[in-house]
Amino acid sequence: MHDELPSEHDDWLFAFLNKAIKLAIRALAILMVLVIFWGVGDVIYVLYQKLISPPFMLLEITDIFKTFATFLAVLIAIEIYQNIVIYIRTDILPIRLVIATALMAIARKVIIFDFKNIEPMYVFATATVTLALGITYYLVGLHHEKKEI
């Protein structure tokens, strides 16, 4: 795990600091799992509250979009957890997974856009970021395909 953070180091201070960083990464993984469970609980609670309030067992379109946004937030948290786990296990930064996580976060943002209260430039900037991430994901995928051949 992480050759760049060796536990055995010539300098005792760096050995200690490297161990502390590894511990911090594990703490982040634990916290992310708690966030995931909290998010699932939040989805259940919000759906329950919306379904029992009048009109009974009906959701408005805004409620559905908010639910989608919450689902995607939980999925993004799961992706971040996977990034942390891969980071712990290897010394490789999972670029494709990080880009996919960013694309999912942008998709979540687009789903919850309130076009009545949003500036056109904000929509344009979001589209530009989405396009840049999509192109990057594609190019990184091409690079990985060439490596596997």
C-alpha atoms as a PDB file:
ATOM      1  CA  MET A   1       0.000   0.000   0.000  1.00  0.00           C
ATOM      2  CA  HIS A   2       1.349   3.362  -1.066  1.00  0.00           C
ATOM      3  CA  ASP A   3       5.029   3.118  -1.783  1.00  0.00           C
ATOM      4  CA  GLU A   4       5.130   6.902  -1.588  1.00  0.00           C
ATOM      5  CA  LEU A   5       4.056   6.713   2.098  1.00  0.00           C
ATOM      6  CA  PRO A   6       6.406   4.102   3.561  1.00  0.00           C
ATOM      7  CA  SER A   7       5.911   3.222   7.222  1.00  0.00           C
ATOM      8  CA  GLU A   8       9.603   2.456   7.484  1.00  0.00           C
ATOM      9  CA  HIS A   9      11.501   5.610   6.663  1.00  0.00           C
ATOM     10  CA  ASP A  10      15.033   6.784   7.412  1.00  0.00           C
ATOM     11  CA  ASP A  11      13.630   9.743   9.298  1.00  0.00           C
ATOM     12  CA  TRP A  12      11.400   8.851  12.278  1.00  0.00           C
ATOM     13  CA  LEU A  13       9.299  11.986  11.775  1.00  0.00           C
ATOM     14  CA  PHE A  14       8.369  11.056   8.200  1.00  0.00           C
ATOM     15  CA  ALA A  15       7.649   7.473   9.236  1.00  0.00           C
ATOM     16  CA  PHE A  16       5.268   8.775  11.915  1.00  0.00           C
ATOM     17  CA  LEU A  17       3.621  11.286   9.556  1.00  0.00           C
ATOM     18  CA  ASN A  18       3.141   8.639   6.859  1.00  0.00           C
ATOM     19  CA  LYS A  19       1.417   6.372   9.379  1.00  0.00           C
ATOM     20  CA  ALA A  20      -0.773   9.300  10.456  1.00  0.00           C
ATOM     21  CA  ILE A  21      -1.798   9.988   6.853  1.00  0.00           C
ATOM     22  CA  LYS A  22      -2.691   6.315   6.324  1.00  0.00           C
ATOM     23  CA  LEU A  23      -4.794   6.442   9.473  1.00  0.00           C
ATOM     24  CA  ALA A  24      -6.516   9.627   8.235  1.00  0.00           C
ATOM     25  CA  ILE A  25      -7.352   7.920   4.922  1.00  0.00           C
ATOM     26  CA  ARG A  26      -8.937   5.008   6.802  1.00  0.00           C
ATOM     27  CA  ALA A  27     -10.910   7.462   8.942  1.00  0.00           C
ATOM     28  CA  LEU A  28     -12.192   9.106   5.744  1.00  0.00           C
ATOM     29  CA  ALA A  29     -13.344   5.693   4.493  1.00  0.00           C
ATOM     30  CA  ILE A  30     -15.253   5.075   7.735  1.00  0.00           C
ATOM     31  CA  LEU A  31     -16.814   8.537   7.618  1.00  0.00           C
ATOM     32  CA  MET A  32     -17.838   8.054   3.987  1.00  0.00           C
ATOM     33  CA  VAL A  33     -19.639   4.809   4.876  1.00  0.00           C
ATOM     34  CA  LEU A  34     -21.497   6.698   7.613  1.00  0.00           C
ATOM     35  CA  VAL A  35     -22.443   9.407   5.102  1.00  0.00           C
ATOM     36  CA  ILE A  36     -23.735   6.727   2.714  1.00  0.00           C
ATOM     37  CA  PHE A  37     -25.939   5.158   5.388  1.00  0.00           C
ATOM     38  CA  TRP A  38     -27.096   8.605   6.518  1.00  0.00           C
ATOM     39  CA  GLY A  39     -28.019   9.433   2.913  1.00  0.00           C
ATOM     40  CA  VAL A  40     -29.975   6.195   2.493  1.00  0.00           C
ATOM     41  CA  GLY A  41     -31.816   6.947   5.728  1.00  0.00           C
ATOM     42  CA  ASP A  42     -32.539  10.462   4.493  1.00  0.00           C
ATOM     43  CA  VAL A  43     -33.987   9.141   1.223  1.00  0.00           C
ATOM     44  CA  ILE A  44     -36.239   6.737   3.131  1.00  0.00           C
ATOM     45  CA  TYR A  45     -37.352   9.431   5.587  1.00  0.00           C
ATOM     46  CA  VAL A  46     -38.083  12.062   2.920  1.00  0.00           C
ATOM     47  CA  LEU A  47     -40.002   9.589   0.757  1.00  0.00           C
ATOM     48  CA  TYR A  48     -42.004   8.429   3.759  1.00  0.00           C
ATOM     49  CA  GLN A  49     -42.833  12.028   4.745  1.00  0.00           C
ATOM     50  CA  LYS A  50     -43.888  12.947   1.201  1.00  0.00           C
ATOM     51  CA  LEU A  51     -45.985   9.820   0.716  1.00  0.00           C
ATOM     52  CA  ILE A  52     -47.973  10.134   3.967  1.00  0.00           C
ATOM     53  CA  SER A  53     -48.746  13.827   3.508  1.00  0.00           C
ATOM     54  CA  PRO A  54     -51.726  14.953   1.411  1.00  0.00           C
ATOM     55  CA  PRO A  55     -52.315  14.003  -1.331  1.00  0.00           C
ATOM     56  CA  PHE A  56     -51.716  10.563   0.146  1.00  0.00           C
ATOM     57  CA  MET A  57     -49.231   8.304  -1.709  1.00  0.00           C
ATOM     58  CA  LEU A  58     -48.596  10.850  -4.473  1.00  0.00           C
ATOM     59  CA  LEU A  59     -45.395  12.678  -5.327  1.00  0.00           C
ATOM     60  CA  GLU A  60     -45.196  15.932  -7.227  1.00  0.00           C
ATOM     61  CA  ILE A  61     -42.658  16.235 -10.012  1.00  0.00           C
ATOM     62  CA  THR A  62     -40.449  18.457  -7.831  1.00  0.00           C
ATOM     63  CA  ASP A  63     -40.476  15.750  -5.144  1.00  0.00           C
ATOM     64  CA  ILE A  64     -39.401  13.168  -7.703  1.00  0.00           C
ATOM     65  CA  PHE A  65     -36.522  15.358  -8.895  1.00  0.00           C
ATOM     66  CA  LYS A  66     -35.424  15.994  -5.308  1.00  0.00           C
ATOM     67  CA  THR A  67     -35.526  12.242  -4.692  1.00  0.00           C
ATOM     68  CA  PHE A  68     -33.424  11.623  -7.806  1.00  0.00           C
ATOM     69  CA  ALA A  69     -30.934  14.221  -6.603  1.00  0.00           C
ATOM     70  CA  THR A  70     -30.697  12.546  -3.210  1.00  0.00           C
ATOM     71  CA  PHE A  71     -30.237   9.121  -4.812  1.00  0.00           C
ATOM     72  CA  LEU A  72     -27.454  10.510  -6.966  1.00  0.00           C
ATOM     73  CA  ALA A  73     -25.822  12.131  -3.933  1.00  0.00           C
ATOM     74  CA  VAL A  74     -25.709   8.711  -2.254  1.00  0.00           C
ATOM     75  CA  LEU A  75     -24.307   7.142  -5.426  1.00  0.00           C
ATOM     76  CA  ILE A  76     -21.646   9.868  -5.574  1.00  0.00           C
ATOM     77  CA  ALA A  77     -20.737   9.107  -1.960  1.00  0.00           C
ATOM     78  CA  ILE A  78     -20.356   5.437  -2.918  1.00  0.00           C
ATOM     79  CA  GLU A  79     -18.096   6.415  -5.819  1.00  0.00           C
ATOM     80  CA  ILE A  80     -15.979   8.542  -3.480  1.00  0.00           C
ATOM     81  CA  TYR A  81     -15.753   5.602  -1.073  1.00  0.00           C
ATOM     82  CA  GLN A  82     -14.538   3.422  -3.958  1.00  0.00           C
ATOM     83  CA  ASN A  83     -11.929   6.076  -4.783  1.00  0.00           C
ATOM     84  CA  ILE A  84     -10.721   5.988  -1.183  1.00  0.00           C
ATOM     85  CA  VAL A  85     -10.545   2.167  -1.136  1.00  0.00           C
ATOM     86  CA  ILE A  86      -8.580   2.065  -4.387  1.00  0.00           C
ATOM     87  CA  TYR A  87      -6.304   4.780  -3.043  1.00  0.00           C
ATOM     88  CA  ILE A  88      -5.698   2.733   0.121  1.00  0.00           C
ATOM     89  CA  ARG A  89      -5.004  -0.534  -1.733  1.00  0.00           C
ATOM     90  CA  THR A  90      -2.739   0.753  -4.475  1.00  0.00           C
ATOM     91  CA  ASP A  91      -0.451   3.598  -5.286  1.00  0.00           C
ATOM     92  CA  ILE A  92      -2.489   4.373  -8.398  1.00  0.00           C
ATOM     93  CA  LEU A  93      -4.916   7.266  -8.581  1.00  0.00           C
ATOM     94  CA  PRO A  94      -8.058   5.898 -10.300  1.00  0.00           C
ATOM     95  CA  ILE A  95      -8.381   8.701 -12.860  1.00  0.00           C
ATOM     96  CA  ARG A  96     -11.306   7.162 -14.754  1.00  0.00           C
ATOM     97  CA  LEU A  97     -13.267   6.608 -11.553  1.00  0.00           C
ATOM     98  CA  VAL A  98     -12.571  10.152 -10.378  1.00  0.00           C
ATOM     99  CA  ILE A  99     -13.767  11.561 -13.721  1.00  0.00           C
ATOM    100  CA  ALA A 100     -16.855   9.308 -13.647  1.00  0.00           C
ATOM    101  CA  THR A 101     -17.607  10.556 -10.129  1.00  0.00           C
ATOM    102  CA  ALA A 102     -17.298  14.151 -11.323  1.00  0.00           C
ATOM    103  CA  LEU A 103     -19.635  13.415 -14.249  1.00  0.00           C
ATOM    104  CA  MET A 104     -22.175  11.918 -11.864  1.00  0.00           C
ATOM    105  CA  ALA A 105     -21.922  15.001  -9.640  1.00  0.00           C
ATOM    106  CA  ILE A 106     -22.514  17.265 -12.646  1.00  0.00           C
ATOM    107  CA  ALA A 107     -25.474  15.115 -13.706  1.00  0.00           C
ATOM    108  CA  ARG A 108     -26.939  15.482 -10.222  1.00  0.00           C
ATOM    109  CA  LYS A 109     -26.509  19.243 -10.450  1.00  0.00           C
ATOM    110  CA  VAL A 110     -28.245  19.380 -13.831  1.00  0.00           C
ATOM    111  CA  ILE A 111     -31.155  17.293 -12.546  1.00  0.00           C
ATOM    112  CA  ILE A 112     -31.809  19.713  -9.692  1.00  0.00           C
ATOM    113  CA  PHE A 113     -31.429  22.898 -11.763  1.00  0.00           C
ATOM    114  CA  ASP A 114     -34.238  25.348 -11.131  1.00  0.00           C
ATOM    115  CA  PHE A 115     -34.263  27.034 -14.522  1.00  0.00           C
ATOM    116  CA  LYS A 116     -36.570  29.781 -13.257  1.00  0.00           C
ATOM    117  CA  ASN A 117     -33.926  31.044 -10.835  1.00  0.00           C
ATOM    118  CA  ILE A 118     -30.711  30.275 -12.693  1.00  0.00           C
ATOM    119  CA  GLU A 119     -28.564  32.504 -14.865  1.00  0.00           C
ATOM    120  CA  PRO A 120     -27.962  31.399 -18.470  1.00  0.00           C
ATOM    121  CA  MET A 121     -24.196  31.769 -17.970  1.00  0.00           C
ATOM    122  CA  TYR A 122     -24.366  29.232 -15.135  1.00  0.00           C
ATOM    123  CA  VAL A 123     -26.068  26.733 -17.452  1.00  0.00           C
ATOM    124  CA  PHE A 124     -23.462  27.443 -20.146  1.00  0.00           C
ATOM    125  CA  ALA A 125     -20.590  26.988 -17.686  1.00  0.00           C
ATOM    126  CA  THR A 126     -22.082  23.712 -16.438  1.00  0.00           C
ATOM    127  CA  ALA A 127     -22.439  22.495 -20.022  1.00  0.00           C
ATOM    128  CA  THR A 128     -18.812  23.405 -20.699  1.00  0.00           C
ATOM    129  CA  VAL A 129     -17.598  21.510 -17.641  1.00  0.00           C
ATOM    130  CA  THR A 130     -19.751  18.520 -18.600  1.00  0.00           C
ATOM    131  CA  LEU A 131     -18.362  18.515 -22.132  1.00  0.00           C
ATOM    132  CA  ALA A 132     -14.784  18.813 -20.865  1.00  0.00           C
ATOM    133  CA  LEU A 133     -15.290  15.933 -18.411  1.00  0.00           C
ATOM    134  CA  GLY A 134     -16.950  13.814 -21.106  1.00  0.00           C
ATOM    135  CA  ILE A 135     -14.080  14.372 -23.542  1.00  0.00           C
ATOM    136  CA  THR A 136     -11.554  13.658 -20.786  1.00  0.00           C
ATOM    137  CA  TYR A 137     -13.342  10.441 -19.817  1.00  0.00           C
ATOM    138  CA  TYR A 138     -13.368   9.368 -23.465  1.00  0.00           C
ATOM    139  CA  LEU A 139      -9.661  10.146 -23.961  1.00  0.00           C
ATOM    140  CA  VAL A 140      -8.645   8.397 -20.748  1.00  0.00           C
ATOM    141  CA  GLY A 141     -10.722   5.404 -21.881  1.00  0.00           C
ATOM    142  CA  LEU A 142      -8.866   5.350 -25.209  1.00  0.00           C
ATOM    143  CA  HIS A 143      -5.562   5.449 -23.343  1.00  0.00           C
ATOM    144  CA  HIS A 144      -6.609   2.504 -21.140  1.00  0.00           C
ATOM    145  CA  GLU A 145      -7.801   0.508 -24.176  1.00  0.00           C
ATOM    146  CA  LYS A 146      -4.434   1.014 -25.914  1.00  0.00           C
ATOM    147  CA  LYS A 147      -2.604  -0.145 -22.769  1.00  0.00           C
ATOM    148  CA  GLU A 148      -4.684  -3.333 -22.585  1.00  0.00           C
ATOM    149  CA  ILE A 149      -4.062  -4.261 -26.238  1.00  0.00           C
END
